[in-house]
Amino acid sequence: MKQTGSQRRTTNFQKFMADNSSLRYTFNEAASIYNEARPRYPDDLFSALIDSTEISAGAKLLEIGPGTGQATKPLAEKGFDITAIELGEALAEEAKQELRDYKNIQIIKGAFEEITLPAASFDLVFAATSFHWIDPSLKFTKTHELLKKKGHLAIIHTHHISDERGDIFFNVSQSIFDRYDFTDKHRKPELPKNKDLKADDIDGRLFRLIHFKRFPIVITYSAKSFVQLLGTFSNHLAATKEVRHAFFKEIENLINDQFQGKIDKHFSMSLTVAEKL
């Protein structure tokens, strides 16, 4: 019997979850340190988002995967009404506590793919370092359905980039990452340069790209704070506690012994904005 569109979406999502659920849920384990450890999004990024979409106070926003609210709070302060869907129960509770003073924020616990919301009800759907975790068969079609006419989709990513001075720590530490099988198999053997980062691939049948910008930042980490950051990444969280402890100890010792106890880490936050067709 031929499947309906809804049945096909359900089947695709079930397959996606079977392949990815273990990693999608790992962030929940880092809920207590996530807000402190993860790099902050720069104010200029939010200004660019608002300027490119021309949204104003009172606009209806939907956030996919707010974590502990690092992107939610700056936009709530601008007067937008935000509905945020968070998969992790502990992360959702942390977000509710962090954002408890904002009456214009609603946190919903659940998977974006499964939550039912009114069609054509949002001016902007945005995802900050979370869009790649959404079922590919649904992420553009469902956001398109939820957006009002001429509404916008904004995708924010956090990239590890080259310091363009030799990337000494990255190169020296790779043997440790390799030994614990934490090297990203899809990443090139060198870090990308900020200028080489590209806009997200957008479904051109549903959206048109209207804006792309990169926001490079540098954060100085102590050995302890860098290990804390590593403790919020999905592949590390998926490992056993014993493996994580041994890996973190080697990285901490490397920074203390060879880098005088601190390193400068280069990131770039990319903003891709698309308009609903």
C-alpha atoms as a PDB file:
ATOM      1  CA  MET A   1       0.000   0.000   0.000  1.00  0.00           C
ATOM      2  CA  LYS A   2       1.305   3.441  -0.941  1.00  0.00           C
ATOM      3  CA  GLN A   3       2.487   5.574   1.997  1.00  0.00           C
ATOM      4  CA  THR A   4       1.110   9.045   2.625  1.00  0.00           C
ATOM      5  CA  GLY A   5       3.477  12.026   2.926  1.00  0.00           C
ATOM      6  CA  SER A   6       3.031  11.968   6.700  1.00  0.00           C
ATOM      7  CA  GLN A   7       3.828   8.246   6.870  1.00  0.00           C
ATOM      8  CA  ARG A   8       6.952   8.724   4.732  1.00  0.00           C
ATOM      9  CA  ARG A   9       8.155  11.529   7.021  1.00  0.00           C
ATOM     10  CA  THR A  10       7.570   9.341  10.078  1.00  0.00           C
ATOM     11  CA  THR A  11       9.476   6.424   8.519  1.00  0.00           C
ATOM     12  CA  ASN A  12      12.391   8.671   7.521  1.00  0.00           C
ATOM     13  CA  PHE A  13      12.551  10.191  10.998  1.00  0.00           C
ATOM     14  CA  GLN A  14      12.518   6.766  12.657  1.00  0.00           C
ATOM     15  CA  LYS A  15      15.466   5.689  10.493  1.00  0.00           C
ATOM     16  CA  PHE A  16      17.315   8.946  11.213  1.00  0.00           C
ATOM     17  CA  MET A  17      16.801   8.504  14.955  1.00  0.00           C
ATOM     18  CA  ALA A  18      18.024   4.915  14.800  1.00  0.00           C
ATOM     19  CA  ASP A  19      21.268   6.168  13.248  1.00  0.00           C
ATOM     20  CA  ASN A  20      21.760   9.332  15.316  1.00  0.00           C
ATOM     21  CA  SER A  21      19.794   9.177  18.567  1.00  0.00           C
ATOM     22  CA  SER A  22      22.764   8.171  20.729  1.00  0.00           C
ATOM     23  CA  LEU A  23      24.672  11.335  19.791  1.00  0.00           C
ATOM     24  CA  ARG A  24      21.659  13.669  19.692  1.00  0.00           C
ATOM     25  CA  TYR A  25      20.920  12.981  23.342  1.00  0.00           C
ATOM     26  CA  THR A  26      24.492  13.168  24.646  1.00  0.00           C
ATOM     27  CA  PHE A  27      24.399  16.955  25.169  1.00  0.00           C
ATOM     28  CA  ASN A  28      21.878  16.408  27.946  1.00  0.00           C
ATOM     29  CA  GLU A  29      24.682  14.924  30.063  1.00  0.00           C
ATOM     30  CA  ALA A  30      26.598  18.216  29.878  1.00  0.00           C
ATOM     31  CA  ALA A  31      23.647  20.432  30.800  1.00  0.00           C
ATOM     32  CA  SER A  32      25.213  21.724  34.026  1.00  0.00           C
ATOM     33  CA  ILE A  33      28.395  22.994  32.304  1.00  0.00           C
ATOM     34  CA  TYR A  34      27.067  23.736  28.806  1.00  0.00           C
ATOM     35  CA  ASN A  35      26.234  27.391  29.410  1.00  0.00           C
ATOM     36  CA  GLU A  36      29.610  28.154  30.981  1.00  0.00           C
ATOM     37  CA  ALA A  37      31.773  26.111  28.613  1.00  0.00           C
ATOM     38  CA  ARG A  38      30.418  26.858  25.142  1.00  0.00           C
ATOM     39  CA  PRO A  39      31.658  29.969  23.287  1.00  0.00           C
ATOM     40  CA  ARG A  40      29.222  32.894  23.214  1.00  0.00           C
ATOM     41  CA  TYR A  41      27.686  34.208  20.041  1.00  0.00           C
ATOM     42  CA  PRO A  42      28.867  37.771  19.304  1.00  0.00           C
ATOM     43  CA  ASP A  43      26.425  40.680  19.487  1.00  0.00           C
ATOM     44  CA  ASP A  44      27.226  41.598  15.880  1.00  0.00           C
ATOM     45  CA  LEU A  45      25.783  38.285  14.743  1.00  0.00           C
ATOM     46  CA  PHE A  46      22.390  39.075  16.240  1.00  0.00           C
ATOM     47  CA  SER A  47      22.470  42.578  14.769  1.00  0.00           C
ATOM     48  CA  ALA A  48      23.141  41.078  11.329  1.00  0.00           C
ATOM     49  CA  LEU A  49      20.322  38.579  11.816  1.00  0.00           C
ATOM     50  CA  ILE A  50      17.839  41.302  12.725  1.00  0.00           C
ATOM     51  CA  ASP A  51      18.971  43.619   9.931  1.00  0.00           C
ATOM     52  CA  SER A  52      18.830  40.940   7.234  1.00  0.00           C
ATOM     53  CA  THR A  53      15.375  39.667   8.213  1.00  0.00           C
ATOM     54  CA  GLU A  54      13.933  43.070   9.191  1.00  0.00           C
ATOM     55  CA  ILE A  55      12.114  41.539  12.148  1.00  0.00           C
ATOM     56  CA  SER A  56      10.946  43.893  14.884  1.00  0.00           C
ATOM     57  CA  ALA A  57       9.825  43.635  18.509  1.00  0.00           C
ATOM     58  CA  GLY A  58       6.833  41.347  18.885  1.00  0.00           C
ATOM     59  CA  ALA A  59       7.817  39.105  15.971  1.00  0.00           C
ATOM     60  CA  LYS A  60       7.173  35.385  16.492  1.00  0.00           C
ATOM     61  CA  LEU A  61      10.374  33.322  16.545  1.00  0.00           C
ATOM     62  CA  LEU A  62      10.873  29.566  16.735  1.00  0.00           C
ATOM     63  CA  GLU A  63      14.215  28.249  17.957  1.00  0.00           C
ATOM     64  CA  ILE A  64      15.320  24.688  17.301  1.00  0.00           C
ATOM     65  CA  GLY A  65      17.643  23.298  19.980  1.00  0.00           C
ATOM     66  CA  PRO A  66      18.265  26.242  22.333  1.00  0.00           C
ATOM     67  CA  GLY A  67      20.499  24.241  24.660  1.00  0.00           C
ATOM     68  CA  THR A  68      20.737  26.442  27.738  1.00  0.00           C
ATOM     69  CA  GLY A  69      19.605  29.562  25.881  1.00  0.00           C
ATOM     70  CA  GLN A  70      22.809  31.179  24.641  1.00  0.00           C
ATOM     71  CA  ALA A  71      21.153  32.462  21.470  1.00  0.00           C
ATOM     72  CA  THR A  72      17.686  32.702  22.998  1.00  0.00           C
ATOM     73  CA  LYS A  73      18.472  35.310  25.611  1.00  0.00           C
ATOM     74  CA  PRO A  74      20.013  37.998  23.342  1.00  0.00           C
ATOM     75  CA  LEU A  75      16.994  37.823  21.031  1.00  0.00           C
ATOM     76  CA  ALA A  76      14.482  37.801  23.883  1.00  0.00           C
ATOM     77  CA  GLU A  77      16.104  40.994  25.146  1.00  0.00           C
ATOM     78  CA  LYS A  78      15.166  42.596  21.800  1.00  0.00           C
ATOM     79  CA  GLY A  79      11.476  41.989  22.522  1.00  0.00           C
ATOM     80  CA  PHE A  80      10.799  38.998  20.267  1.00  0.00           C
ATOM     81  CA  ASP A  81       8.333  36.294  21.304  1.00  0.00           C
ATOM     82  CA  ILE A  82      10.279  33.025  21.235  1.00  0.00           C
ATOM     83  CA  THR A  83       9.119  29.428  21.270  1.00  0.00           C
ATOM     84  CA  ALA A  84      12.121  27.132  21.780  1.00  0.00           C
ATOM     85  CA  ILE A  85      12.090  23.355  21.290  1.00  0.00           C
ATOM     86  CA  GLU A  86      14.768  21.464  23.222  1.00  0.00           C
ATOM     87  CA  LEU A  87      15.334  17.719  22.902  1.00  0.00           C
ATOM     88  CA  GLY A  88      17.240  17.201  26.168  1.00  0.00           C
ATOM     89  CA  GLU A  89      15.204  17.245  29.363  1.00  0.00           C
ATOM     90  CA  ALA A  90      18.083  18.475  31.543  1.00  0.00           C
ATOM     91  CA  LEU A  91      19.030  21.142  28.988  1.00  0.00           C
ATOM     92  CA  ALA A  92      15.402  22.291  28.810  1.00  0.00           C
ATOM     93  CA  GLU A  93      15.322  22.662  32.601  1.00  0.00           C
ATOM     94  CA  GLU A  94      18.610  24.589  32.587  1.00  0.00           C
ATOM     95  CA  ALA A  95      17.206  26.871  29.880  1.00  0.00           C
ATOM     96  CA  LYS A  96      14.028  27.478  31.865  1.00  0.00           C
ATOM     97  CA  GLN A  97      16.091  28.504  34.894  1.00  0.00           C
ATOM     98  CA  GLU A  98      18.475  30.652  32.868  1.00  0.00           C
ATOM     99  CA  LEU A  99      15.602  32.407  31.078  1.00  0.00           C
ATOM    100  CA  ARG A 100      13.054  32.478  33.897  1.00  0.00           C
ATOM    101  CA  ASP A 101      12.869  36.285  33.966  1.00  0.00           C
ATOM    102  CA  TYR A 102      11.736  36.489  30.330  1.00  0.00           C
ATOM    103  CA  LYS A 103       7.982  36.165  29.928  1.00  0.00           C
ATOM    104  CA  ASN A 104       8.301  36.222  26.136  1.00  0.00           C
ATOM    105  CA  ILE A 105      10.015  32.800  26.011  1.00  0.00           C
ATOM    106  CA  GLN A 106       8.320  29.407  25.982  1.00  0.00           C
ATOM    107  CA  ILE A 107      10.492  26.282  26.288  1.00  0.00           C
ATOM    108  CA  ILE A 108       9.014  23.059  24.901  1.00  0.00           C
ATOM    109  CA  LYS A 109      10.708  19.756  25.673  1.00  0.00           C
ATOM    110  CA  GLY A 110      10.761  17.383  22.706  1.00  0.00           C
ATOM    111  CA  ALA A 111      12.098  16.675  19.224  1.00  0.00           C
ATOM    112  CA  PHE A 112      11.493  19.327  16.571  1.00  0.00           C
ATOM    113  CA  GLU A 113      10.559  16.596  14.103  1.00  0.00           C
ATOM    114  CA  GLU A 114       7.735  15.374  16.367  1.00  0.00           C
ATOM    115  CA  ILE A 115       6.342  18.591  17.859  1.00  0.00           C
ATOM    116  CA  THR A 116       3.127  19.843  16.230  1.00  0.00           C
ATOM    117  CA  LEU A 117       2.830  23.615  15.823  1.00  0.00           C
ATOM    118  CA  PRO A 118       0.439  25.778  13.762  1.00  0.00           C
ATOM    119  CA  ALA A 119       1.446  26.209  10.125  1.00  0.00           C
ATOM    120  CA  ALA A 120       2.532  29.641   8.876  1.00  0.00           C
ATOM    121  CA  SER A 121       2.779  31.002  12.426  1.00  0.00           C
ATOM    122  CA  PHE A 122       6.401  32.199  12.729  1.00  0.00           C
ATOM    123  CA  ASP A 123       8.288  35.153  11.277  1.00  0.00           C
ATOM    124  CA  LEU A 124      11.657  33.472  11.843  1.00  0.00           C
ATOM    125  CA  VAL A 125      12.888  29.956  12.540  1.00  0.00           C
ATOM    126  CA  PHE A 126      16.466  29.828  13.792  1.00  0.00           C
ATOM    127  CA  ALA A 127      18.911  27.185  14.953  1.00  0.00           C
ATOM    128  CA  ALA A 128      22.220  27.931  16.683  1.00  0.00           C
ATOM    129  CA  THR A 129      24.727  25.072  16.349  1.00  0.00           C
ATOM    130  CA  SER A 130      21.868  22.585  16.127  1.00  0.00           C
ATOM    131  CA  PHE A 131      20.499  22.480  12.572  1.00  0.00           C
ATOM    132  CA  HIS A 132      22.829  19.642  11.533  1.00  0.00           C
ATOM    133  CA  TRP A 133      21.169  17.416  14.151  1.00  0.00           C
ATOM    134  CA  ILE A 134      17.745  17.637  12.494  1.00  0.00           C
ATOM    135  CA  ASP A 135      16.448  14.887  10.227  1.00  0.00           C
ATOM    136  CA  PRO A 136      17.559  15.982   6.714  1.00  0.00           C
ATOM    137  CA  SER A 137      14.281  14.817   5.208  1.00  0.00           C
ATOM    138  CA  LEU A 138      12.336  17.232   7.440  1.00  0.00           C
ATOM    139  CA  LYS A 139      14.485  20.203   8.333  1.00  0.00           C
ATOM    140  CA  PHE A 140      13.648  22.365   5.323  1.00  0.00           C
ATOM    141  CA  THR A 141      10.125  21.129   4.621  1.00  0.00           C
ATOM    142  CA  LYS A 142       8.936  21.528   8.201  1.00  0.00           C
ATOM    143  CA  THR A 143      10.544  24.943   8.727  1.00  0.00           C
ATOM    144  CA  HIS A 144       8.965  26.048   5.445  1.00  0.00           C
ATOM    145  CA  GLU A 145       5.548  24.886   6.663  1.00  0.00           C
ATOM    146  CA  LEU A 146       5.898  26.742   9.964  1.00  0.00           C
ATOM    147  CA  LEU A 147       7.031  30.060   8.498  1.00  0.00           C
ATOM    148  CA  LYS A 148       4.703  32.856   7.481  1.00  0.00           C
ATOM    149  CA  LYS A 149       4.792  34.180   3.931  1.00  0.00           C
ATOM    150  CA  LYS A 150       8.218  35.780   3.325  1.00  0.00           C
ATOM    151  CA  GLY A 151       9.390  34.413   6.690  1.00  0.00           C
ATOM    152  CA  HIS A 152      13.040  33.552   7.261  1.00  0.00           C
ATOM    153  CA  LEU A 153      15.236  30.643   8.286  1.00  0.00           C
ATOM    154  CA  ALA A 154      18.507  31.486  10.059  1.00  0.00           C
ATOM    155  CA  ILE A 155      21.218  28.870  10.579  1.00  0.00           C
ATOM    156  CA  ILE A 156      24.121  29.592  12.921  1.00  0.00           C
ATOM    157  CA  HIS A 157      27.159  27.332  13.125  1.00  0.00           C
ATOM    158  CA  THR A 158      30.242  27.339  15.332  1.00  0.00           C
ATOM    159  CA  HIS A 159      33.368  26.423  13.358  1.00  0.00           C
ATOM    160  CA  HIS A 160      36.834  25.526  14.612  1.00  0.00           C
ATOM    161  CA  ILE A 161      39.145  27.550  12.371  1.00  0.00           C
ATOM    162  CA  SER A 162      42.844  28.012  11.748  1.00  0.00           C
ATOM    163  CA  ASP A 163      44.776  30.620  13.698  1.00  0.00           C
ATOM    164  CA  GLU A 164      46.746  31.058  10.441  1.00  0.00           C
ATOM    165  CA  ARG A 165      49.965  30.973  12.446  1.00  0.00           C
ATOM    166  CA  GLY A 166      50.724  27.287  12.136  1.00  0.00           C
ATOM    167  CA  ASP A 167      47.980  25.824  14.365  1.00  0.00           C
ATOM    168  CA  ILE A 168      50.618  24.428  16.699  1.00  0.00           C
ATOM    169  CA  PHE A 169      48.270  23.168  19.412  1.00  0.00           C
ATOM    170  CA  PHE A 170      45.932  21.574  16.878  1.00  0.00           C
ATOM    171  CA  ASN A 171      48.792  19.708  15.220  1.00  0.00           C
ATOM    172  CA  VAL A 172      50.484  18.610  18.447  1.00  0.00           C
ATOM    173  CA  SER A 173      47.226  17.419  20.021  1.00  0.00           C
ATOM    174  CA  GLN A 174      46.044  15.375  17.026  1.00  0.00           C
ATOM    175  CA  SER A 175      47.964  12.290  18.094  1.00  0.00           C
ATOM    176  CA  ILE A 176      45.956  12.259  21.339  1.00  0.00           C
ATOM    177  CA  PHE A 177      42.645  12.701  19.498  1.00  0.00           C
ATOM    178  CA  ASP A 178      43.648   9.932  17.086  1.00  0.00           C
ATOM    179  CA  ARG A 179      44.629   7.547  19.851  1.00  0.00           C
ATOM    180  CA  TYR A 180      41.215   7.885  21.495  1.00  0.00           C
ATOM    181  CA  ASP A 181      39.439   7.788  18.115  1.00  0.00           C
ATOM    182  CA  PHE A 182      38.049  11.303  18.585  1.00  0.00           C
ATOM    183  CA  THR A 183      39.316  12.705  15.289  1.00  0.00           C
ATOM    184  CA  ASP A 184      36.521  13.956  13.042  1.00  0.00           C
ATOM    185  CA  LYS A 185      36.617  11.508  10.122  1.00  0.00           C
ATOM    186  CA  HIS A 186      34.940  14.051   7.813  1.00  0.00           C
ATOM    187  CA  ARG A 187      37.339  16.901   8.578  1.00  0.00           C
ATOM    188  CA  LYS A 188      40.321  17.701   6.413  1.00  0.00           C
ATOM    189  CA  PRO A 189      43.747  17.206   8.037  1.00  0.00           C
ATOM    190  CA  GLU A 190      44.036  20.953   8.576  1.00  0.00           C
ATOM    191  CA  LEU A 191      41.667  23.510  10.096  1.00  0.00           C
ATOM    192  CA  PRO A 192      39.711  25.675   7.644  1.00  0.00           C
ATOM    193  CA  LYS A 193      40.469  29.371   7.305  1.00  0.00           C
ATOM    194  CA  ASN A 194      37.731  31.823   8.175  1.00  0.00           C
ATOM    195  CA  LYS A 195      37.579  33.153   4.604  1.00  0.00           C
ATOM    196  CA  ASP A 196      36.945  29.652   3.246  1.00  0.00           C
ATOM    197  CA  LEU A 197      33.740  29.042   5.221  1.00  0.00           C
ATOM    198  CA  LYS A 198      30.684  28.906   2.973  1.00  0.00           C
ATOM    199  CA  ALA A 199      26.968  29.475   3.454  1.00  0.00           C
ATOM    200  CA  ASP A 200      24.853  26.456   4.348  1.00  0.00           C
ATOM    201  CA  ASP A 201      23.344  24.523   1.481  1.00  0.00           C
ATOM    202  CA  ILE A 202      19.705  25.608   1.282  1.00  0.00           C
ATOM    203  CA  ASP A 203      16.813  23.761  -0.364  1.00  0.00           C
ATOM    204  CA  GLY A 204      16.355  26.085  -3.333  1.00  0.00           C
ATOM    205  CA  ARG A 205      12.861  24.779  -3.999  1.00  0.00           C
ATOM    206  CA  LEU A 206      11.681  26.220  -0.681  1.00  0.00           C
ATOM    207  CA  PHE A 207      14.076  29.056   0.202  1.00  0.00           C
ATOM    208  CA  ARG A 208      16.384  31.614  -1.356  1.00  0.00           C
ATOM    209  CA  LEU A 209      19.655  32.644   0.267  1.00  0.00           C
ATOM    210  CA  ILE A 210      19.660  36.341   1.198  1.00  0.00           C
ATOM    211  CA  HIS A 211      22.564  36.755   3.623  1.00  0.00           C
ATOM    212  CA  PHE A 212      25.766  35.070   4.768  1.00  0.00           C
ATOM    213  CA  LYS A 213      28.419  36.382   7.130  1.00  0.00           C
ATOM    214  CA  ARG A 214      31.259  35.036   9.297  1.00  0.00           C
ATOM    215  CA  PHE A 215      32.104  36.259  12.791  1.00  0.00           C
ATOM    216  CA  PRO A 216      35.604  35.161  13.899  1.00  0.00           C
ATOM    217  CA  ILE A 217      36.433  35.198  17.607  1.00  0.00           C
ATOM    218  CA  VAL A 218      39.384  34.151  19.774  1.00  0.00           C
ATOM    219  CA  ILE A 219      39.004  32.703  23.272  1.00  0.00           C
ATOM    220  CA  THR A 220      41.872  32.057  25.673  1.00  0.00           C
ATOM    221  CA  TYR A 221      41.424  28.801  27.578  1.00  0.00           C
ATOM    222  CA  SER A 222      43.221  27.445  30.590  1.00  0.00           C
ATOM    223  CA  ALA A 223      43.899  23.719  30.545  1.00  0.00           C
ATOM    224  CA  LYS A 224      40.911  23.169  32.829  1.00  0.00           C
ATOM    225  CA  SER A 225      38.470  25.357  30.890  1.00  0.00           C
ATOM    226  CA  PHE A 226      39.462  23.813  27.548  1.00  0.00           C
ATOM    227  CA  VAL A 227      38.868  20.336  28.913  1.00  0.00           C
ATOM    228  CA  GLN A 228      35.493  21.574  30.154  1.00  0.00           C
ATOM    229  CA  LEU A 229      34.687  22.702  26.604  1.00  0.00           C
ATOM    230  CA  LEU A 230      35.686  19.290  25.229  1.00  0.00           C
ATOM    231  CA  GLY A 231      33.295  17.786  27.751  1.00  0.00           C
ATOM    232  CA  THR A 232      30.340  19.324  25.887  1.00  0.00           C
ATOM    233  CA  PHE A 233      31.037  17.680  22.507  1.00  0.00           C
ATOM    234  CA  SER A 234      28.868  14.754  21.457  1.00  0.00           C
ATOM    235  CA  ASN A 235      31.622  12.311  20.480  1.00  0.00           C
ATOM    236  CA  HIS A 236      33.373  12.786  23.828  1.00  0.00           C
ATOM    237  CA  LEU A 237      30.118  12.500  25.769  1.00  0.00           C
ATOM    238  CA  ALA A 238      29.330   9.245  23.973  1.00  0.00           C
ATOM    239  CA  ALA A 239      32.525   7.637  25.295  1.00  0.00           C
ATOM    240  CA  THR A 240      32.749   5.878  28.645  1.00  0.00           C
ATOM    241  CA  LYS A 241      33.668   7.925  31.710  1.00  0.00           C
ATOM    242  CA  GLU A 242      36.972   6.083  31.949  1.00  0.00           C
ATOM    243  CA  VAL A 243      37.922   6.934  28.365  1.00  0.00           C
ATOM    244  CA  ARG A 244      36.829  10.563  28.774  1.00  0.00           C
ATOM    245  CA  HIS A 245      38.818  10.953  31.982  1.00  0.00           C
ATOM    246  CA  ALA A 246      42.004   9.546  30.443  1.00  0.00           C
ATOM    247  CA  PHE A 247      41.609  11.644  27.274  1.00  0.00           C
ATOM    248  CA  PHE A 248      40.907  14.863  29.174  1.00  0.00           C
ATOM    249  CA  LYS A 249      43.878  14.234  31.460  1.00  0.00           C
ATOM    250  CA  GLU A 250      46.253  13.910  28.494  1.00  0.00           C
ATOM    251  CA  ILE A 251      44.943  17.110  26.899  1.00  0.00           C
ATOM    252  CA  GLU A 252      45.179  18.970  30.203  1.00  0.00           C
ATOM    253  CA  ASN A 253      48.751  17.774  30.737  1.00  0.00           C
ATOM    254  CA  LEU A 254      49.690  18.774  27.177  1.00  0.00           C
ATOM    255  CA  ILE A 255      48.445  22.341  27.679  1.00  0.00           C
ATOM    256  CA  ASN A 256      50.116  22.674  31.065  1.00  0.00           C
ATOM    257  CA  ASP A 257      53.420  21.102  30.012  1.00  0.00           C
ATOM    258  CA  GLN A 258      53.924  22.484  26.486  1.00  0.00           C
ATOM    259  CA  PHE A 259      51.750  25.615  26.290  1.00  0.00           C
ATOM    260  CA  GLN A 260      52.349  27.257  29.683  1.00  0.00           C
ATOM    261  CA  GLY A 261      48.872  26.366  30.889  1.00  0.00           C
ATOM    262  CA  LYS A 262      46.786  28.194  28.279  1.00  0.00           C
ATOM    263  CA  ILE A 263      45.900  28.225  24.586  1.00  0.00           C
ATOM    264  CA  ASP A 264      44.159  30.645  22.222  1.00  0.00           C
ATOM    265  CA  LYS A 265      41.307  28.906  20.407  1.00  0.00           C
ATOM    266  CA  HIS A 266      39.998  30.392  17.169  1.00  0.00           C
ATOM    267  CA  PHE A 267      36.338  30.021  16.234  1.00  0.00           C
ATOM    268  CA  SER A 268      34.090  31.486  13.582  1.00  0.00           C
ATOM    269  CA  MET A 269      30.338  31.793  13.955  1.00  0.00           C
ATOM    270  CA  SER A 270      28.640  31.680  10.574  1.00  0.00           C
ATOM    271  CA  LEU A 271      25.192  33.097   9.877  1.00  0.00           C
ATOM    272  CA  THR A 272      23.168  31.866   6.903  1.00  0.00           C
ATOM    273  CA  VAL A 273      19.793  33.535   6.321  1.00  0.00           C
ATOM    274  CA  ALA A 274      17.233  32.351   3.765  1.00  0.00           C
ATOM    275  CA  GLU A 275      13.796  33.671   2.827  1.00  0.00           C
ATOM    276  CA  LYS A 276      10.766  31.440   2.332  1.00  0.00           C
ATOM    277  CA  LEU A 277       9.638  31.176  -1.276  1.00  0.00           C
END
